[in-house]
PDB file of all heavy atoms in Angstrom:
ATOM      1  N   ALA A   1     -12.865  68.226  87.220  1.00  0.00           N
ATOM      2  CA  ALA A   1     -12.192  68.858  88.370  1.00  0.00           C
ATOM      3  C   ALA A   1     -12.350  68.040  89.628  1.00  0.00           C
ATOM      4  O   ALA A   1     -11.421  67.934  90.453  1.00  0.00           O
ATOM      5  CB  ALA A   1     -12.741  70.273  88.563  1.00  0.00           C
ATOM      6  N   ALA A   2     -13.542  67.424  89.806  1.00  0.00           N
ATOM      7  CA  ALA A   2     -13.801  66.623  91.016  1.00  0.00           C
ATOM      8  C   ALA A   2     -13.024  65.321  90.980  1.00  0.00           C
ATOM      9  O   ALA A   2     -12.618  64.793  92.036  1.00  0.00           O
ATOM     10  CB  ALA A   2     -15.290  66.367  91.149  1.00  0.00           C
ATOM     11  N   LEU A   3     -12.826  64.731  89.767  1.00  0.00           N
ATOM     12  CA  LEU A   3     -12.197  63.408  89.678  1.00  0.00           C
ATOM     13  C   LEU A   3     -10.692  63.470  89.501  1.00  0.00           C
ATOM     14  O   LEU A   3     -10.027  62.446  89.624  1.00  0.00           O
ATOM     15  CB  LEU A   3     -12.814  62.640  88.504  1.00  0.00           C
ATOM     16  CG  LEU A   3     -14.291  62.267  88.615  1.00  0.00           C
ATOM     17  CD1 LEU A   3     -14.759  61.559  87.362  1.00  0.00           C
ATOM     18  CD2 LEU A   3     -14.525  61.374  89.834  1.00  0.00           C
ATOM     19  N   LEU A   4     -10.160  64.647  89.191  1.00  0.00           N
ATOM     20  CA  LEU A   4      -8.743  64.747  88.892  1.00  0.00           C
ATOM     21  C   LEU A   4      -7.859  64.281  90.059  1.00  0.00           C
ATOM     22  O   LEU A   4      -6.909  63.531  89.884  1.00  0.00           O
ATOM     23  CB  LEU A   4      -8.379  66.164  88.480  1.00  0.00           C
ATOM     24  CG  LEU A   4      -6.929  66.393  88.041  1.00  0.00           C
ATOM     25  CD1 LEU A   4      -6.609  65.495  86.844  1.00  0.00           C
ATOM     26  CD2 LEU A   4      -6.704  67.842  87.662  1.00  0.00           C
ATOM     27  N   LYS A   5      -8.204  64.735  91.264  1.00  0.00           N
ATOM     28  CA  LYS A   5      -7.381  64.356  92.434  1.00  0.00           C
ATOM     29  C   LYS A   5      -7.546  62.879  92.805  1.00  0.00           C
ATOM     30  O   LYS A   5      -6.540  62.182  93.016  1.00  0.00           O
ATOM     31  CB  LYS A   5      -7.704  65.274  93.603  1.00  0.00           C
ATOM     32  CG  LYS A   5      -7.192  66.697  93.407  1.00  0.00           C
ATOM     33  CD  LYS A   5      -7.423  67.548  94.646  1.00  0.00           C
ATOM     34  CE  LYS A   5      -6.858  68.965  94.432  1.00  0.00           C
ATOM     35  NZ  LYS A   5      -7.086  69.838  95.618  1.00  0.00           N
ATOM     36  N   PRO A   6      -8.777  62.363  92.949  1.00  0.00           N
ATOM     37  CA  PRO A   6      -8.887  60.939  93.346  1.00  0.00           C
ATOM     38  C   PRO A   6      -8.435  59.958  92.273  1.00  0.00           C
ATOM     39  O   PRO A   6      -7.882  58.894  92.587  1.00  0.00           O
ATOM     40  CB  PRO A   6     -10.380  60.772  93.656  1.00  0.00           C
ATOM     41  CG  PRO A   6     -11.060  61.832  92.919  1.00  0.00           C
ATOM     42  CD  PRO A   6     -10.107  62.995  92.915  1.00  0.00           C
ATOM     43  N   LEU A   7      -8.667  60.268  90.989  1.00  0.00           N
ATOM     44  CA  LEU A   7      -8.325  59.314  89.933  1.00  0.00           C
ATOM     45  C   LEU A   7      -6.989  59.582  89.284  1.00  0.00           C
ATOM     46  O   LEU A   7      -6.363  58.677  88.732  1.00  0.00           O
ATOM     47  CB  LEU A   7      -9.417  59.353  88.823  1.00  0.00           C
ATOM     48  CG  LEU A   7     -10.820  58.913  89.217  1.00  0.00           C
ATOM     49  CD1 LEU A   7     -11.731  58.919  87.997  1.00  0.00           C
ATOM     50  CD2 LEU A   7     -10.804  57.516  89.833  1.00  0.00           C
ATOM     51  N   GLY A   8      -6.533  60.829  89.351  1.00  0.00           N
ATOM     52  CA  GLY A   8      -5.301  61.190  88.671  1.00  0.00           C
ATOM     53  C   GLY A   8      -5.535  61.341  87.159  1.00  0.00           C
ATOM     54  O   GLY A   8      -6.589  61.028  86.639  1.00  0.00           O
ATOM     55  N   LEU A   9      -4.522  61.848  86.494  1.00  0.00           N
ATOM     56  CA  LEU A   9      -4.657  62.082  85.059  1.00  0.00           C
ATOM     57  C   LEU A   9      -4.869  60.787  84.282  1.00  0.00           C
ATOM     58  O   LEU A   9      -5.591  60.748  83.284  1.00  0.00           O
ATOM     59  CB  LEU A   9      -3.397  62.815  84.529  1.00  0.00           C
ATOM     60  CG  LEU A   9      -3.490  63.413  83.138  1.00  0.00           C
ATOM     61  CD1 LEU A   9      -4.666  64.372  83.032  1.00  0.00           C
ATOM     62  CD2 LEU A   9      -2.193  64.125  82.781  1.00  0.00           C
ATOM     63  N   GLN A  10      -4.270  59.698  84.759  1.00  0.00           N
ATOM     64  CA  GLN A  10      -4.446  58.434  84.061  1.00  0.00           C
ATOM     65  C   GLN A  10      -5.909  57.967  84.133  1.00  0.00           C
ATOM     66  O   GLN A  10      -6.417  57.347  83.207  1.00  0.00           O
ATOM     67  CB  GLN A  10      -3.520  57.344  84.630  1.00  0.00           C
ATOM     68  CG  GLN A  10      -3.792  56.944  86.058  1.00  0.00           C
ATOM     69  CD  GLN A  10      -3.013  57.788  87.064  1.00  0.00           C
ATOM     70  OE1 GLN A  10      -2.616  58.900  86.757  1.00  0.00           O
ATOM     71  NE2 GLN A  10      -2.790  57.228  88.234  1.00  0.00           N
ATOM     72  N   GLY A  11      -6.588  58.272  85.248  1.00  0.00           N
ATOM     73  CA  GLY A  11      -8.001  57.923  85.378  1.00  0.00           C
ATOM     74  C   GLY A  11      -8.853  58.727  84.412  1.00  0.00           C
ATOM     75  O   GLY A  11      -9.826  58.205  83.827  1.00  0.00           O
ATOM     76  N   ILE A  12      -8.524  60.024  84.231  1.00  0.00           N
ATOM     77  CA  ILE A  12      -9.253  60.857  83.283  1.00  0.00           C
ATOM     78  C   ILE A  12      -9.064  60.324  81.853  1.00  0.00           C
ATOM     79  O   ILE A  12     -10.013  60.255  81.072  1.00  0.00           O
ATOM     80  CB  ILE A  12      -8.801  62.314  83.363  1.00  0.00           C
ATOM     81  CG1 ILE A  12      -8.995  62.851  84.797  1.00  0.00           C
ATOM     82  CG2 ILE A  12      -9.534  63.171  82.357  1.00  0.00           C
ATOM     83  CD1 ILE A  12     -10.434  62.869  85.233  1.00  0.00           C
ATOM     84  N   PHE A  13      -7.830  59.922  81.525  1.00  0.00           N
ATOM     85  CA  PHE A  13      -7.572  59.329  80.206  1.00  0.00           C
ATOM     86  C   PHE A  13      -8.431  58.059  80.020  1.00  0.00           C
ATOM     87  O   PHE A  13      -8.982  57.803  78.941  1.00  0.00           O
ATOM     88  CB  PHE A  13      -6.103  58.976  80.062  1.00  0.00           C
ATOM     89  CG  PHE A  13      -5.234  60.125  79.635  1.00  0.00           C
ATOM     90  CD1 PHE A  13      -4.079  60.416  80.322  1.00  0.00           C
ATOM     91  CD2 PHE A  13      -5.574  60.909  78.546  1.00  0.00           C
ATOM     92  CE1 PHE A  13      -3.244  61.467  79.922  1.00  0.00           C
ATOM     93  CE2 PHE A  13      -4.769  61.957  78.153  1.00  0.00           C
ATOM     94  CZ  PHE A  13      -3.589  62.225  78.834  1.00  0.00           C
ATOM     95  N   ALA A  14      -8.496  57.245  81.073  1.00  0.00           N
ATOM     96  CA  ALA A  14      -9.263  55.993  80.993  1.00  0.00           C
ATOM     97  C   ALA A  14     -10.749  56.277  80.758  1.00  0.00           C
ATOM     98  O   ALA A  14     -11.409  55.590  79.968  1.00  0.00           O
ATOM     99  CB  ALA A  14      -9.072  55.168  82.259  1.00  0.00           C
ATOM    100  N   LEU A  15     -11.283  57.295  81.429  1.00  0.00           N
ATOM    101  CA  LEU A  15     -12.677  57.674  81.223  1.00  0.00           C
ATOM    102  C   LEU A  15     -12.905  58.168  79.796  1.00  0.00           C
ATOM    103  O   LEU A  15     -13.968  57.887  79.191  1.00  0.00           O
ATOM    104  CB  LEU A  15     -13.093  58.762  82.236  1.00  0.00           C
ATOM    105  CG  LEU A  15     -13.260  58.319  83.683  1.00  0.00           C
ATOM    106  CD1 LEU A  15     -13.566  59.528  84.552  1.00  0.00           C
ATOM    107  CD2 LEU A  15     -14.392  57.290  83.791  1.00  0.00           C
ATOM    108  N   ASP A  16     -11.950  58.894  79.247  1.00  0.00           N
ATOM    109  CA  ASP A  16     -12.030  59.345  77.876  1.00  0.00           C
ATOM    110  C   ASP A  16     -12.106  58.152  76.919  1.00  0.00           C
ATOM    111  O   ASP A  16     -12.910  58.121  75.969  1.00  0.00           O
ATOM    112  CB  ASP A  16     -10.837  60.230  77.550  1.00  0.00           C
ATOM    113  CG  ASP A  16     -11.017  60.973  76.228  1.00  0.00           C
ATOM    114  OD1 ASP A  16     -12.163  61.053  75.738  1.00  0.00           O
ATOM    115  OD2 ASP A  16     -10.018  61.501  75.712  1.00  0.00           O
ATOM    116  N   LEU A  17     -11.265  57.167  77.157  1.00  0.00           N
ATOM    117  CA  LEU A  17     -11.281  55.960  76.331  1.00  0.00           C
ATOM    118  C   LEU A  17     -12.621  55.221  76.452  1.00  0.00           C
ATOM    119  O   LEU A  17     -13.133  54.669  75.466  1.00  0.00           O
ATOM    120  CB  LEU A  17     -10.151  55.029  76.718  1.00  0.00           C
ATOM    121  CG  LEU A  17      -8.756  55.491  76.344  1.00  0.00           C
ATOM    122  CD1 LEU A  17      -7.679  54.586  76.972  1.00  0.00           C
ATOM    123  CD2 LEU A  17      -8.569  55.525  74.831  1.00  0.00           C
ATOM    124  N   LEU A  18     -13.203  55.218  77.652  1.00  0.00           N
ATOM    125  CA  LEU A  18     -14.511  54.582  77.836  1.00  0.00           C
ATOM    126  C   LEU A  18     -15.578  55.319  77.031  1.00  0.00           C
ATOM    127  O   LEU A  18     -16.469  54.690  76.418  1.00  0.00           O
ATOM    128  CB  LEU A  18     -14.857  54.572  79.333  1.00  0.00           C
ATOM    129  CG  LEU A  18     -16.210  53.968  79.703  1.00  0.00           C
ATOM    130  CD1 LEU A  18     -16.264  52.504  79.308  1.00  0.00           C
ATOM    131  CD2 LEU A  18     -16.477  54.106  81.205  1.00  0.00           C
ATOM    132  N   GLY A  19     -15.509  56.640  77.008  1.00  0.00           N
ATOM    133  CA  GLY A  19     -16.452  57.413  76.228  1.00  0.00           C
ATOM    134  C   GLY A  19     -16.325  57.134  74.739  1.00  0.00           C
ATOM    135  O   GLY A  19     -17.336  57.029  74.021  1.00  0.00           O
ATOM    136  N   ILE A  20     -15.101  57.008  74.255  1.00  0.00           N
ATOM    137  CA  ILE A  20     -14.877  56.707  72.854  1.00  0.00           C
ATOM    138  C   ILE A  20     -15.418  55.315  72.505  1.00  0.00           C
ATOM    139  O   ILE A  20     -16.038  55.113  71.452  1.00  0.00           O
ATOM    140  CB  ILE A  20     -13.382  56.802  72.515  1.00  0.00           C
ATOM    141  CG1 ILE A  20     -12.905  58.270  72.638  1.00  0.00           C
ATOM    142  CG2 ILE A  20     -13.081  56.257  71.131  1.00  0.00           C
ATOM    143  CD1 ILE A  20     -11.421  58.449  72.565  1.00  0.00           C
ATOM    144  N   ALA A  21     -15.199  54.362  73.395  1.00  0.00           N
ATOM    145  CA  ALA A  21     -15.728  53.012  73.171  1.00  0.00           C
ATOM    146  C   ALA A  21     -17.260  53.022  73.100  1.00  0.00           C
ATOM    147  O   ALA A  21     -17.863  52.321  72.268  1.00  0.00           O
ATOM    148  CB  ALA A  21     -15.262  52.069  74.281  1.00  0.00           C
ATOM    149  N   THR A  22     -17.907  53.839  73.912  1.00  0.00           N
ATOM    150  CA  THR A  22     -19.351  53.982  73.888  1.00  0.00           C
ATOM    151  C   THR A  22     -19.822  54.560  72.565  1.00  0.00           C
ATOM    152  O   THR A  22     -20.821  54.112  71.973  1.00  0.00           O
ATOM    153  CB  THR A  22     -19.848  54.855  75.042  1.00  0.00           C
ATOM    154  OG1 THR A  22     -19.379  54.307  76.300  1.00  0.00           O
ATOM    155  CG2 THR A  22     -21.360  54.955  75.070  1.00  0.00           C
ATOM    156  N   ALA A  23     -19.090  55.581  72.080  1.00  0.00           N
ATOM    157  CA  ALA A  23     -19.444  56.194  70.800  1.00  0.00           C
ATOM    158  C   ALA A  23     -19.314  55.187  69.651  1.00  0.00           C
ATOM    159  O   ALA A  23     -20.170  55.133  68.753  1.00  0.00           O
ATOM    160  CB  ALA A  23     -18.552  57.405  70.547  1.00  0.00           C
ATOM    161  N   VAL A  24     -18.257  54.389  69.671  1.00  0.00           N
ATOM    162  CA  VAL A  24     -18.058  53.390  68.609  1.00  0.00           C
ATOM    163  C   VAL A  24     -19.174  52.343  68.657  1.00  0.00           C
ATOM    164  O   VAL A  24     -19.731  51.942  67.600  1.00  0.00           O
ATOM    165  CB  VAL A  24     -16.673  52.734  68.758  1.00  0.00           C
ATOM    166  CG1 VAL A  24     -16.551  51.512  67.848  1.00  0.00           C
ATOM    167  CG2 VAL A  24     -15.582  53.743  68.453  1.00  0.00           C
ATOM    168  N   ALA A  25     -19.527  51.889  69.864  1.00  0.00           N
ATOM    169  CA  ALA A  25     -20.585  50.867  69.999  1.00  0.00           C
ATOM    170  C   ALA A  25     -21.913  51.437  69.500  1.00  0.00           C
ATOM    171  O   ALA A  25     -22.697  50.717  68.848  1.00  0.00           O
ATOM    172  CB  ALA A  25     -20.709  50.451  71.475  1.00  0.00           C
ATOM    173  N   THR A  26     -22.176  52.705  69.788  1.00  0.00           N
ATOM    174  CA  THR A  26     -23.433  53.320  69.320  1.00  0.00           C
ATOM    175  C   THR A  26     -23.478  53.372  67.803  1.00  0.00           C
ATOM    176  O   THR A  26     -24.525  53.064  67.178  1.00  0.00           O
ATOM    177  CB  THR A  26     -23.544  54.760  69.871  1.00  0.00           C
ATOM    178  OG1 THR A  26     -23.474  54.716  71.306  1.00  0.00           O
ATOM    179  CG2 THR A  26     -24.845  55.399  69.456  1.00  0.00           C
ATOM    180  N   LEU A  27     -22.375  53.729  67.154  1.00  0.00           N
ATOM    181  CA  LEU A  27     -22.333  53.770  65.697  1.00  0.00           C
ATOM    182  C   LEU A  27     -22.594  52.388  65.093  1.00  0.00           C
ATOM    183  O   LEU A  27     -23.240  52.258  64.040  1.00  0.00           O
ATOM    184  CB  LEU A  27     -20.992  54.297  65.216  1.00  0.00           C
ATOM    185  CG  LEU A  27     -20.790  55.812  65.298  1.00  0.00           C
ATOM    186  CD1 LEU A  27     -19.343  56.161  64.944  1.00  0.00           C
ATOM    187  CD2 LEU A  27     -21.734  56.533  64.343  1.00  0.00           C
ATOM    188  N   LEU A  28     -22.076  51.355  65.742  1.00  0.00           N
ATOM    189  CA  LEU A  28     -22.231  50.007  65.209  1.00  0.00           C
ATOM    190  C   LEU A  28     -23.657  49.488  65.394  1.00  0.00           C
ATOM    191  O   LEU A  28     -24.126  48.649  64.627  1.00  0.00           O
ATOM    192  CB  LEU A  28     -21.261  49.052  65.903  1.00  0.00           C
ATOM    193  CG  LEU A  28     -19.777  49.301  65.608  1.00  0.00           C
ATOM    194  CD1 LEU A  28     -18.893  48.388  66.456  1.00  0.00           C
ATOM    195  CD2 LEU A  28     -19.466  49.084  64.113  1.00  0.00           C
ATOM    196  N   LEU A  29     -24.388  50.005  66.395  1.00  0.00           N
ATOM    197  CA  LEU A  29     -25.731  49.523  66.694  1.00  0.00           C
ATOM    198  C   LEU A  29     -26.824  50.280  65.922  1.00  0.00           C
ATOM    199  O   LEU A  29     -27.874  49.731  65.628  1.00  0.00           O
ATOM    200  CB  LEU A  29     -25.998  49.626  68.185  1.00  0.00           C
ATOM    201  CG  LEU A  29     -25.185  48.666  69.085  1.00  0.00           C
ATOM    202  CD1 LEU A  29     -25.431  48.984  70.551  1.00  0.00           C
ATOM    203  CD2 LEU A  29     -25.531  47.208  68.789  1.00  0.00           C
ATOM    204  N   VAL A  30     -26.571  51.572  65.641  1.00  0.00           N
ATOM    205  CA  VAL A  30     -27.598  52.409  65.001  1.00  0.00           C
ATOM    206  C   VAL A  30     -27.501  52.313  63.494  1.00  0.00           C
ATOM    207  O   VAL A  30     -26.413  52.483  62.924  1.00  0.00           O
ATOM    208  CB  VAL A  30     -27.425  53.879  65.451  1.00  0.00           C
ATOM    209  CG1 VAL A  30     -28.412  54.780  64.717  1.00  0.00           C
ATOM    210  CG2 VAL A  30     -27.622  53.989  66.963  1.00  0.00           C
ATOM    211  N   PRO A  31     -28.612  52.019  62.797  1.00  0.00           N
ATOM    212  CA  PRO A  31     -28.559  51.970  61.320  1.00  0.00           C
ATOM    213  C   PRO A  31     -28.329  53.368  60.754  1.00  0.00           C
ATOM    214  O   PRO A  31     -29.048  54.307  61.082  1.00  0.00           O
ATOM    215  CB  PRO A  31     -29.932  51.410  60.935  1.00  0.00           C
ATOM    216  CG  PRO A  31     -30.818  51.730  62.098  1.00  0.00           C
ATOM    217  CD  PRO A  31     -29.937  51.678  63.330  1.00  0.00           C
ATOM    218  N   ILE A  32     -27.350  53.496  59.898  1.00  0.00           N
ATOM    219  CA  ILE A  32     -27.004  54.786  59.311  1.00  0.00           C
ATOM    220  C   ILE A  32     -27.192  54.707  57.794  1.00  0.00           C
ATOM    221  O   ILE A  32     -26.586  53.877  57.135  1.00  0.00           O
ATOM    222  CB  ILE A  32     -25.550  55.187  59.636  1.00  0.00           C
ATOM    223  CG1 ILE A  32     -25.395  55.348  61.154  1.00  0.00           C
ATOM    224  CG2 ILE A  32     -25.138  56.449  58.899  1.00  0.00           C
ATOM    225  CD1 ILE A  32     -23.999  55.669  61.593  1.00  0.00           C
ATOM    226  N   PRO A  33     -28.073  55.545  57.234  1.00  0.00           N
ATOM    227  CA  PRO A  33     -28.318  55.472  55.781  1.00  0.00           C
ATOM    228  C   PRO A  33     -27.092  55.881  54.989  1.00  0.00           C
ATOM    229  O   PRO A  33     -26.311  56.742  55.409  1.00  0.00           O
ATOM    230  CB  PRO A  33     -29.466  56.490  55.575  1.00  0.00           C
ATOM    231  CG  PRO A  33     -29.333  57.452  56.736  1.00  0.00           C
ATOM    232  CD  PRO A  33     -28.843  56.621  57.893  1.00  0.00           C
ATOM    233  N   ASN A  34     -26.938  55.257  53.859  1.00  0.00           N
ATOM    234  CA  ASN A  34     -25.827  55.587  52.976  1.00  0.00           C
ATOM    235  C   ASN A  34     -26.317  55.502  51.527  1.00  0.00           C
ATOM    236  O   ASN A  34     -26.129  54.484  50.862  1.00  0.00           O
ATOM    237  CB  ASN A  34     -24.653  54.611  53.202  1.00  0.00           C
ATOM    238  CG  ASN A  34     -23.392  55.079  52.479  1.00  0.00           C
ATOM    239  OD1 ASN A  34     -22.972  56.202  52.657  1.00  0.00           O
ATOM    240  ND2 ASN A  34     -22.842  54.201  51.671  1.00  0.00           N
ATOM    241  N   PRO A  35     -26.987  56.549  51.066  1.00  0.00           N
ATOM    242  CA  PRO A  35     -27.570  56.508  49.721  1.00  0.00           C
ATOM    243  C   PRO A  35     -26.506  56.322  48.647  1.00  0.00           C
ATOM    244  O   PRO A  35     -25.358  56.724  48.808  1.00  0.00           O
ATOM    245  CB  PRO A  35     -28.262  57.870  49.588  1.00  0.00           C
ATOM    246  CG  PRO A  35     -27.547  58.750  50.567  1.00  0.00           C
ATOM    247  CD  PRO A  35     -27.173  57.869  51.702  1.00  0.00           C
ATOM    248  N   LYS A  36     -26.926  55.701  47.544  1.00  0.00           N
ATOM    249  CA  LYS A  36     -26.000  55.473  46.439  1.00  0.00           C
ATOM    250  C   LYS A  36     -25.640  56.810  45.800  1.00  0.00           C
ATOM    251  O   LYS A  36     -26.508  57.660  45.608  1.00  0.00           O
ATOM    252  CB  LYS A  36     -26.625  54.554  45.410  1.00  0.00           C
ATOM    253  CG  LYS A  36     -26.889  53.154  45.938  1.00  0.00           C
ATOM    254  CD  LYS A  36     -27.508  52.288  44.840  1.00  0.00           C
ATOM    255  CE  LYS A  36     -27.751  50.873  45.371  1.00  0.00           C
ATOM    256  NZ  LYS A  36     -28.395  50.023  44.314  1.00  0.00           N
ATOM    257  N   PRO A  37     -24.363  57.024  45.493  1.00  0.00           N
ATOM    258  CA  PRO A  37     -23.987  58.257  44.847  1.00  0.00           C
ATOM    259  C   PRO A  37     -24.603  58.401  43.471  1.00  0.00           C
ATOM    260  O   PRO A  37     -24.797  57.397  42.766  1.00  0.00           O
ATOM    261  CB  PRO A  37     -22.451  58.188  44.767  1.00  0.00           C
ATOM    262  CG  PRO A  37     -22.182  56.713  44.805  1.00  0.00           C
ATOM    263  CD  PRO A  37     -23.242  56.107  45.659  1.00  0.00           C
ATOM    264  N   GLN A  38     -24.952  59.636  43.099  1.00  0.00           N
ATOM    265  CA  GLN A  38     -25.514  59.881  41.780  1.00  0.00           C
ATOM    266  C   GLN A  38     -24.460  59.650  40.708  1.00  0.00           C
ATOM    267  O   GLN A  38     -23.269  59.910  40.927  1.00  0.00           O
ATOM    268  CB  GLN A  38     -26.042  61.314  41.687  1.00  0.00           C
ATOM    269  CG  GLN A  38     -27.172  61.606  42.674  1.00  0.00           C
ATOM    270  CD  GLN A  38     -27.631  63.040  42.587  1.00  0.00           C
ATOM    271  OE1 GLN A  38     -27.070  63.843  41.876  1.00  0.00           O
ATOM    272  NE2 GLN A  38     -28.675  63.352  43.328  1.00  0.00           N
ATOM    273  N   ALA A  39     -24.931  59.156  39.564  1.00  0.00           N
ATOM    274  CA  ALA A  39     -24.022  58.914  38.458  1.00  0.00           C
ATOM    275  C   ALA A  39     -23.433  60.227  37.960  1.00  0.00           C
ATOM    276  O   ALA A  39     -24.172  61.182  37.669  1.00  0.00           O
ATOM    277  CB  ALA A  39     -24.746  58.201  37.325  1.00  0.00           C
TER     278      ALA A  39
END
């Protein structure tokens, strides 16, 4: 609500994209276990 007027809707979209990029980078950096499926 505070950023909508100064940044406009395009700025909110850009911040959303920045958040998604952060989430993707975190997934790539954190080791995630992937056990072998049972036969």
